[in-house]
Amino acid sequence: MKKILVVDDEPAIRSMLGVVLAADDREFVEATNGTEAQEILETSVFDLVISDVIMPDCDGIELVMAIRRKLPNVPVIIMSGGGRVQASHYLKQATKLGAAKVFEKPFDTAELRTTVSTLLGEIEPAAAGEQQVDAAGEQEPA
């Protein structure tokens, strides 16, 4: 079974992601921030990381950079609801740094489930009927 690391400082978001992942019988581990996630990644192998951007200690942008350096083959999904600046700013930065997919909160859980299946290699992107959305939230041609 493929393993997913879920990183978010908000318990409600981690819980919601857990429900979504459990619906597809996904094995997952939770971390409350990027520092904790990096510690977990040192001792366990994951097939995918789903992370928030704005978190204490080590944010999602720093986490993407660390994962790209140490685990370049592990795809990362980044989520943001914004903060001091619009979410699209953080999401564009995450994409430039190597995030495989970005989502602006709130997001469609069906799209997240399809993206997870695609990134885990369970379905082909074309078969998923997935429309690519750039970090600004605009649809890109498939």
N, C-alpha and C. Protein backbone atom coordinates (compact mmCIF):
# COMPACT_ATOMS: atom_id res chain seq x y z
N MET A 1 0.84 -1.18 0.00
CA MET A 1 0.00 0.00 0.00
C MET A 1 0.89 1.25 0.00
N LYS A 2 0.54 2.20 -0.83
CA LYS A 2 1.32 3.44 -0.91
C LYS A 2 0.99 4.34 0.28
N LYS A 3 2.01 5.08 0.72
CA LYS A 3 1.91 5.86 1.95
C LYS A 3 1.99 7.36 1.66
N ILE A 4 1.15 8.14 2.34
CA ILE A 4 1.05 9.58 2.13
C ILE A 4 1.32 10.30 3.45
N LEU A 5 2.11 11.37 3.36
CA LEU A 5 2.35 12.24 4.51
C LEU A 5 1.48 13.48 4.36
N VAL A 6 0.64 13.75 5.36
CA VAL A 6 -0.25 14.91 5.37
C VAL A 6 0.30 15.92 6.37
N VAL A 7 0.55 17.15 5.89
CA VAL A 7 1.18 18.17 6.74
C VAL A 7 0.30 19.41 6.78
N ASP A 8 -0.22 19.73 7.96
CA ASP A 8 -1.02 20.94 8.14
C ASP A 8 -1.10 21.25 9.62
N ASP A 9 -1.00 22.52 9.97
CA ASP A 9 -1.05 22.89 11.39
C ASP A 9 -2.48 22.95 11.93
N GLU A 10 -3.46 22.90 11.05
CA GLU A 10 -4.86 22.96 11.50
C GLU A 10 -5.42 21.55 11.63
N PRO A 11 -5.79 21.14 12.86
CA PRO A 11 -6.33 19.80 13.08
C PRO A 11 -7.56 19.50 12.20
N ALA A 12 -8.41 20.49 11.98
CA ALA A 12 -9.62 20.27 11.17
C ALA A 12 -9.27 19.92 9.73
N ILE A 13 -8.24 20.54 9.18
CA ILE A 13 -7.82 20.24 7.80
C ILE A 13 -7.21 18.84 7.75
N ARG A 14 -6.35 18.52 8.72
CA ARG A 14 -5.77 17.18 8.76
C ARG A 14 -6.87 16.12 8.86
N SER A 15 -7.86 16.39 9.68
CA SER A 15 -8.97 15.46 9.86
C SER A 15 -9.75 15.28 8.56
N MET A 16 -10.05 16.39 7.88
CA MET A 16 -10.79 16.33 6.61
C MET A 16 -9.99 15.56 5.57
N LEU A 17 -8.68 15.83 5.48
CA LEU A 17 -7.84 15.11 4.53
C LEU A 17 -7.79 13.62 4.89
N GLY A 18 -7.77 13.32 6.17
CA GLY A 18 -7.79 11.94 6.61
C GLY A 18 -9.05 11.22 6.17
N VAL A 19 -10.19 11.88 6.28
CA VAL A 19 -11.46 11.30 5.84
C VAL A 19 -11.43 11.04 4.33
N VAL A 20 -10.93 12.01 3.57
CA VAL A 20 -10.84 11.88 2.11
C VAL A 20 -9.92 10.72 1.73
N LEU A 21 -8.76 10.65 2.36
CA LEU A 21 -7.80 9.59 2.04
C LEU A 21 -8.31 8.22 2.50
N ALA A 22 -8.92 8.17 3.66
CA ALA A 22 -9.44 6.91 4.18
C ALA A 22 -10.56 6.36 3.30
N ALA A 23 -11.31 7.25 2.66
CA ALA A 23 -12.39 6.81 1.76
C ALA A 23 -11.84 5.97 0.61
N ASP A 24 -10.58 6.17 0.27
CA ASP A 24 -9.93 5.40 -0.79
C ASP A 24 -8.94 4.38 -0.21
N ASP A 25 -9.11 4.07 1.08
CA ASP A 25 -8.24 3.10 1.77
C ASP A 25 -6.76 3.48 1.66
N ARG A 26 -6.46 4.75 1.82
CA ARG A 26 -5.08 5.23 1.75
C ARG A 26 -4.44 5.16 3.14
N GLU A 27 -3.17 4.75 3.17
CA GLU A 27 -2.40 4.80 4.41
C GLU A 27 -1.76 6.17 4.49
N PHE A 28 -1.89 6.85 5.63
CA PHE A 28 -1.31 8.18 5.77
C PHE A 28 -0.83 8.42 7.19
N VAL A 29 0.10 9.35 7.28
CA VAL A 29 0.67 9.79 8.56
C VAL A 29 0.50 11.30 8.59
N GLU A 30 0.25 11.84 9.76
CA GLU A 30 0.05 13.29 9.90
C GLU A 30 1.25 13.95 10.56
N ALA A 31 1.52 15.19 10.12
CA ALA A 31 2.53 16.05 10.74
C ALA A 31 1.90 17.43 10.90
N THR A 32 2.28 18.15 11.97
CA THR A 32 1.66 19.44 12.25
C THR A 32 2.40 20.63 11.65
N ASN A 33 3.61 20.40 11.12
CA ASN A 33 4.36 21.49 10.47
C ASN A 33 5.50 20.89 9.64
N GLY A 34 6.18 21.74 8.92
CA GLY A 34 7.26 21.28 8.05
C GLY A 34 8.43 20.67 8.78
N THR A 35 8.73 21.16 9.97
CA THR A 35 9.84 20.60 10.76
C THR A 35 9.53 19.17 11.15
N GLU A 36 8.33 18.95 11.67
CA GLU A 36 7.91 17.60 12.05
C GLU A 36 7.88 16.70 10.81
N ALA A 37 7.41 17.22 9.69
CA ALA A 37 7.36 16.44 8.45
C ALA A 37 8.76 16.00 8.02
N GLN A 38 9.73 16.91 8.11
CA GLN A 38 11.09 16.56 7.71
C GLN A 38 11.67 15.47 8.63
N GLU A 39 11.34 15.55 9.92
CA GLU A 39 11.80 14.51 10.85
C GLU A 39 11.19 13.16 10.48
N ILE A 40 9.92 13.15 10.15
CA ILE A 40 9.25 11.91 9.76
C ILE A 40 9.84 11.37 8.46
N LEU A 41 10.12 12.26 7.51
CA LEU A 41 10.69 11.85 6.22
C LEU A 41 12.10 11.27 6.35
N GLU A 42 12.79 11.59 7.44
CA GLU A 42 14.13 11.04 7.67
C GLU A 42 14.08 9.55 8.02
N THR A 43 12.96 9.11 8.60
CA THR A 43 12.89 7.74 9.10
C THR A 43 11.86 6.86 8.39
N SER A 44 11.01 7.44 7.57
CA SER A 44 9.97 6.68 6.88
C SER A 44 9.93 7.04 5.41
N VAL A 45 9.46 6.09 4.61
CA VAL A 45 9.35 6.29 3.17
C VAL A 45 7.91 6.61 2.81
N PHE A 46 7.72 7.65 1.99
CA PHE A 46 6.39 8.04 1.55
C PHE A 46 6.37 8.14 0.03
N ASP A 47 5.19 7.90 -0.52
CA ASP A 47 5.00 7.97 -1.96
C ASP A 47 4.45 9.32 -2.40
N LEU A 48 3.95 10.11 -1.45
CA LEU A 48 3.33 11.40 -1.75
C LEU A 48 3.29 12.23 -0.48
N VAL A 49 3.45 13.55 -0.64
CA VAL A 49 3.29 14.47 0.48
C VAL A 49 2.23 15.49 0.10
N ILE A 50 1.29 15.73 1.01
CA ILE A 50 0.26 16.78 0.85
C ILE A 50 0.49 17.76 1.98
N SER A 51 0.75 19.03 1.62
CA SER A 51 1.11 20.01 2.66
C SER A 51 0.42 21.35 2.46
N ASP A 52 0.13 21.97 3.59
CA ASP A 52 -0.31 23.36 3.62
C ASP A 52 0.92 24.22 3.37
N VAL A 53 0.70 25.50 3.09
CA VAL A 53 1.83 26.43 2.92
C VAL A 53 2.15 27.14 4.23
N ILE A 54 1.16 27.80 4.79
CA ILE A 54 1.41 28.65 5.95
C ILE A 54 1.28 27.83 7.23
N MET A 55 2.45 27.60 7.86
CA MET A 55 2.52 26.83 9.11
C MET A 55 3.65 27.40 9.95
N PRO A 56 3.59 27.19 11.27
CA PRO A 56 4.69 27.65 12.12
C PRO A 56 5.95 26.81 11.92
N ASP A 57 7.05 27.31 12.37
CA ASP A 57 8.36 26.65 12.35
C ASP A 57 8.93 26.53 10.94
N CYS A 58 8.39 25.64 10.14
CA CYS A 58 8.87 25.42 8.77
C CYS A 58 7.63 25.35 7.89
N ASP A 59 7.52 26.30 6.96
CA ASP A 59 6.31 26.34 6.13
C ASP A 59 6.39 25.38 4.94
N GLY A 60 5.32 25.34 4.17
CA GLY A 60 5.24 24.43 3.05
C GLY A 60 6.22 24.72 1.93
N ILE A 61 6.58 26.00 1.76
CA ILE A 61 7.55 26.36 0.73
C ILE A 61 8.93 25.79 1.10
N GLU A 62 9.31 25.95 2.35
CA GLU A 62 10.59 25.38 2.82
C GLU A 62 10.56 23.86 2.71
N LEU A 63 9.39 23.27 3.00
CA LEU A 63 9.26 21.82 2.94
C LEU A 63 9.42 21.32 1.50
N VAL A 64 8.80 22.00 0.54
CA VAL A 64 8.95 21.62 -0.87
C VAL A 64 10.42 21.65 -1.26
N MET A 65 11.13 22.71 -0.87
CA MET A 65 12.56 22.82 -1.22
C MET A 65 13.35 21.67 -0.61
N ALA A 66 13.08 21.34 0.65
CA ALA A 66 13.79 20.25 1.32
C ALA A 66 13.50 18.90 0.65
N ILE A 67 12.24 18.67 0.30
CA ILE A 67 11.88 17.41 -0.35
C ILE A 67 12.52 17.32 -1.74
N ARG A 68 12.52 18.41 -2.48
CA ARG A 68 13.14 18.39 -3.82
C ARG A 68 14.63 18.07 -3.73
N ARG A 69 15.30 18.57 -2.66
CA ARG A 69 16.73 18.29 -2.48
C ARG A 69 16.98 16.85 -2.08
N LYS A 70 16.22 16.36 -1.11
CA LYS A 70 16.50 15.05 -0.51
C LYS A 70 15.73 13.89 -1.16
N LEU A 71 14.53 14.17 -1.63
CA LEU A 71 13.66 13.11 -2.18
C LEU A 71 13.04 13.58 -3.49
N PRO A 72 13.86 13.78 -4.51
CA PRO A 72 13.36 14.40 -5.75
C PRO A 72 12.26 13.63 -6.46
N ASN A 73 12.09 12.35 -6.17
CA ASN A 73 11.06 11.56 -6.85
C ASN A 73 9.73 11.50 -6.11
N VAL A 74 9.65 12.12 -4.94
CA VAL A 74 8.40 12.10 -4.18
C VAL A 74 7.57 13.33 -4.59
N PRO A 75 6.39 13.10 -5.16
CA PRO A 75 5.56 14.24 -5.56
C PRO A 75 4.98 14.94 -4.34
N VAL A 76 4.77 16.25 -4.49
CA VAL A 76 4.23 17.07 -3.40
C VAL A 76 3.02 17.83 -3.92
N ILE A 77 1.93 17.78 -3.15
CA ILE A 77 0.75 18.60 -3.40
C ILE A 77 0.77 19.70 -2.35
N ILE A 78 0.65 20.94 -2.79
CA ILE A 78 0.63 22.08 -1.87
C ILE A 78 -0.75 22.73 -1.89
N MET A 79 -1.23 23.09 -0.69
CA MET A 79 -2.52 23.76 -0.53
C MET A 79 -2.31 25.09 0.18
N SER A 80 -3.13 26.07 -0.17
CA SER A 80 -3.06 27.35 0.55
C SER A 80 -4.41 28.04 0.51
N GLY A 81 -4.72 28.65 1.62
CA GLY A 81 -5.90 29.50 1.71
C GLY A 81 -5.51 30.96 1.73
N GLY A 82 -4.21 31.22 1.54
CA GLY A 82 -3.73 32.59 1.59
C GLY A 82 -3.24 32.96 2.98
N GLY A 83 -2.93 34.17 3.15
CA GLY A 83 -2.40 34.68 4.41
C GLY A 83 -2.31 36.18 4.27
N ARG A 84 -1.13 36.70 4.44
CA ARG A 84 -0.92 38.15 4.26
C ARG A 84 -1.06 38.55 2.81
N VAL A 85 -0.80 37.59 1.91
CA VAL A 85 -0.97 37.84 0.48
C VAL A 85 -1.91 36.77 -0.07
N GLN A 86 -2.34 36.94 -1.31
CA GLN A 86 -3.26 35.98 -1.91
C GLN A 86 -2.64 34.59 -2.00
N ALA A 87 -3.50 33.59 -1.91
CA ALA A 87 -3.05 32.20 -1.99
C ALA A 87 -2.29 31.94 -3.29
N SER A 88 -2.72 32.57 -4.39
CA SER A 88 -2.08 32.32 -5.68
C SER A 88 -0.60 32.66 -5.65
N HIS A 89 -0.20 33.63 -4.86
CA HIS A 89 1.22 33.99 -4.74
C HIS A 89 2.02 32.79 -4.20
N TYR A 90 1.53 32.20 -3.11
CA TYR A 90 2.21 31.05 -2.51
C TYR A 90 2.20 29.85 -3.45
N LEU A 91 1.07 29.66 -4.13
CA LEU A 91 0.93 28.50 -5.00
C LEU A 91 1.84 28.61 -6.22
N LYS A 92 1.98 29.81 -6.76
CA LYS A 92 2.91 30.01 -7.89
C LYS A 92 4.34 29.71 -7.45
N GLN A 93 4.69 30.18 -6.26
CA GLN A 93 6.04 29.93 -5.73
C GLN A 93 6.27 28.43 -5.53
N ALA A 94 5.28 27.74 -4.98
CA ALA A 94 5.40 26.29 -4.76
C ALA A 94 5.57 25.55 -6.08
N THR A 95 4.84 25.96 -7.10
CA THR A 95 4.95 25.33 -8.42
C THR A 95 6.34 25.53 -8.99
N LYS A 96 6.86 26.74 -8.88
CA LYS A 96 8.20 27.03 -9.39
C LYS A 96 9.26 26.19 -8.67
N LEU A 97 9.01 25.87 -7.41
CA LEU A 97 9.98 25.10 -6.62
C LEU A 97 9.81 23.60 -6.76
N GLY A 98 8.80 23.16 -7.51
CA GLY A 98 8.70 21.74 -7.79
C GLY A 98 7.47 21.02 -7.27
N ALA A 99 6.47 21.74 -6.76
CA ALA A 99 5.24 21.06 -6.35
C ALA A 99 4.58 20.46 -7.59
N ALA A 100 4.11 19.23 -7.47
CA ALA A 100 3.49 18.54 -8.59
C ALA A 100 2.10 19.10 -8.90
N LYS A 101 1.41 19.58 -7.87
CA LYS A 101 0.05 20.11 -8.02
C LYS A 101 -0.21 21.05 -6.87
N VAL A 102 -0.99 22.09 -7.12
CA VAL A 102 -1.36 23.04 -6.08
C VAL A 102 -2.88 23.18 -6.03
N PHE A 103 -3.38 23.42 -4.83
CA PHE A 103 -4.81 23.62 -4.62
C PHE A 103 -5.02 24.85 -3.75
N GLU A 104 -5.98 25.68 -4.15
CA GLU A 104 -6.36 26.81 -3.31
C GLU A 104 -7.53 26.35 -2.44
N LYS A 105 -7.41 26.61 -1.13
CA LYS A 105 -8.49 26.26 -0.21
C LYS A 105 -9.61 27.28 -0.34
N PRO A 106 -10.85 26.87 -0.26
CA PRO A 106 -11.30 25.49 -0.21
C PRO A 106 -11.18 24.84 -1.59
N PHE A 107 -10.99 23.53 -1.61
CA PHE A 107 -10.81 22.84 -2.88
C PHE A 107 -11.82 21.70 -3.00
N ASP A 108 -11.95 21.21 -4.20
CA ASP A 108 -12.87 20.12 -4.52
C ASP A 108 -12.20 18.81 -4.10
N THR A 109 -12.81 18.09 -3.16
CA THR A 109 -12.20 16.85 -2.67
C THR A 109 -12.15 15.77 -3.76
N ALA A 110 -13.10 15.78 -4.69
CA ALA A 110 -13.06 14.80 -5.79
C ALA A 110 -11.83 15.05 -6.66
N GLU A 111 -11.52 16.32 -6.91
CA GLU A 111 -10.33 16.64 -7.69
C GLU A 111 -9.07 16.23 -6.94
N LEU A 112 -9.05 16.43 -5.62
CA LEU A 112 -7.90 16.00 -4.83
C LEU A 112 -7.73 14.49 -4.93
N ARG A 113 -8.82 13.74 -4.80
CA ARG A 113 -8.74 12.28 -4.87
C ARG A 113 -8.19 11.83 -6.22
N THR A 114 -8.65 12.46 -7.30
CA THR A 114 -8.16 12.12 -8.64
C THR A 114 -6.68 12.46 -8.77
N THR A 115 -6.29 13.60 -8.24
CA THR A 115 -4.88 14.02 -8.31
C THR A 115 -4.00 13.05 -7.53
N VAL A 116 -4.44 12.64 -6.36
CA VAL A 116 -3.68 11.68 -5.56
C VAL A 116 -3.49 10.38 -6.35
N SER A 117 -4.57 9.87 -6.94
CA SER A 117 -4.48 8.63 -7.73
C SER A 117 -3.53 8.80 -8.91
N THR A 118 -3.58 9.95 -9.55
CA THR A 118 -2.71 10.22 -10.70
C THR A 118 -1.25 10.28 -10.26
N LEU A 119 -0.96 11.02 -9.21
CA LEU A 119 0.43 11.17 -8.75
C LEU A 119 1.00 9.87 -8.19
N LEU A 120 0.14 9.00 -7.71
CA LEU A 120 0.60 7.70 -7.22
C LEU A 120 0.73 6.69 -8.36
N GLY A 121 0.42 7.13 -9.59
CA GLY A 121 0.58 6.27 -10.75
C GLY A 121 -0.51 5.23 -10.91
N GLU A 122 -1.64 5.44 -10.25
CA GLU A 122 -2.73 4.47 -10.32
C GLU A 122 -3.62 4.68 -11.54
N ILE A 123 -3.67 5.93 -12.02
CA ILE A 123 -4.41 6.24 -13.24
C ILE A 123 -3.58 7.21 -14.06
N GLU A 124 -3.78 7.18 -15.35
CA GLU A 124 -3.08 8.10 -16.25
C GLU A 124 -3.76 9.46 -16.19
N PRO A 125 -3.00 10.55 -16.29
CA PRO A 125 -3.61 11.88 -16.26
C PRO A 125 -4.72 12.05 -17.28
N ALA A 126 -4.54 11.54 -18.50
CA ALA A 126 -5.57 11.68 -19.52
C ALA A 126 -6.82 10.89 -19.15
N ALA A 127 -6.62 9.73 -18.53
CA ALA A 127 -7.74 8.90 -18.13
C ALA A 127 -8.52 9.54 -16.98
N ALA A 128 -7.84 10.36 -16.22
CA ALA A 128 -8.48 11.02 -15.08
C ALA A 128 -9.40 12.13 -15.54
N GLY A 129 -9.25 12.58 -16.80
CA GLY A 129 -10.06 13.69 -17.28
C GLY A 129 -9.73 14.96 -16.54
N GLU A 130 -8.52 15.02 -16.05
CA GLU A 130 -8.11 16.12 -15.20
C GLU A 130 -7.79 17.36 -16.02
N GLN A 131 -8.43 18.46 -15.69
CA GLN A 131 -8.08 19.73 -16.31
C GLN A 131 -7.02 20.38 -15.44
N GLN A 132 -5.93 20.75 -16.06
CA GLN A 132 -4.86 21.38 -15.30
C GLN A 132 -5.27 22.81 -14.96
N VAL A 133 -5.00 23.20 -13.72
CA VAL A 133 -5.28 24.55 -13.27
C VAL A 133 -3.98 25.12 -12.76
N ASP A 134 -3.61 26.28 -13.28
CA ASP A 134 -2.34 26.86 -12.84
C ASP A 134 -2.50 27.48 -11.47
N ALA A 135 -1.41 27.98 -10.93
CA ALA A 135 -1.41 28.51 -9.56
C ALA A 135 -2.29 29.71 -9.38
N ALA A 136 -2.65 30.39 -10.47
CA ALA A 136 -3.54 31.53 -10.39
C ALA A 136 -5.00 31.09 -10.46
N GLY A 137 -5.21 29.76 -10.59
CA GLY A 137 -6.56 29.25 -10.63
C GLY A 137 -7.17 29.27 -12.02
N GLU A 138 -6.37 29.51 -13.05
CA GLU A 138 -6.88 29.55 -14.40
C GLU A 138 -6.65 28.21 -15.07
N GLN A 139 -7.63 27.78 -15.86
CA GLN A 139 -7.52 26.49 -16.53
C GLN A 139 -6.51 26.56 -17.65
N GLU A 140 -5.69 25.52 -17.72
CA GLU A 140 -4.72 25.39 -18.79
C GLU A 140 -5.22 24.31 -19.73
N PRO A 141 -4.84 24.35 -20.99
CA PRO A 141 -5.25 23.29 -21.91
C PRO A 141 -4.73 21.94 -21.45
N ALA A 142 -5.54 20.91 -21.59
CA ALA A 142 -5.14 19.56 -21.15
C ALA A 142 -4.14 18.95 -22.12
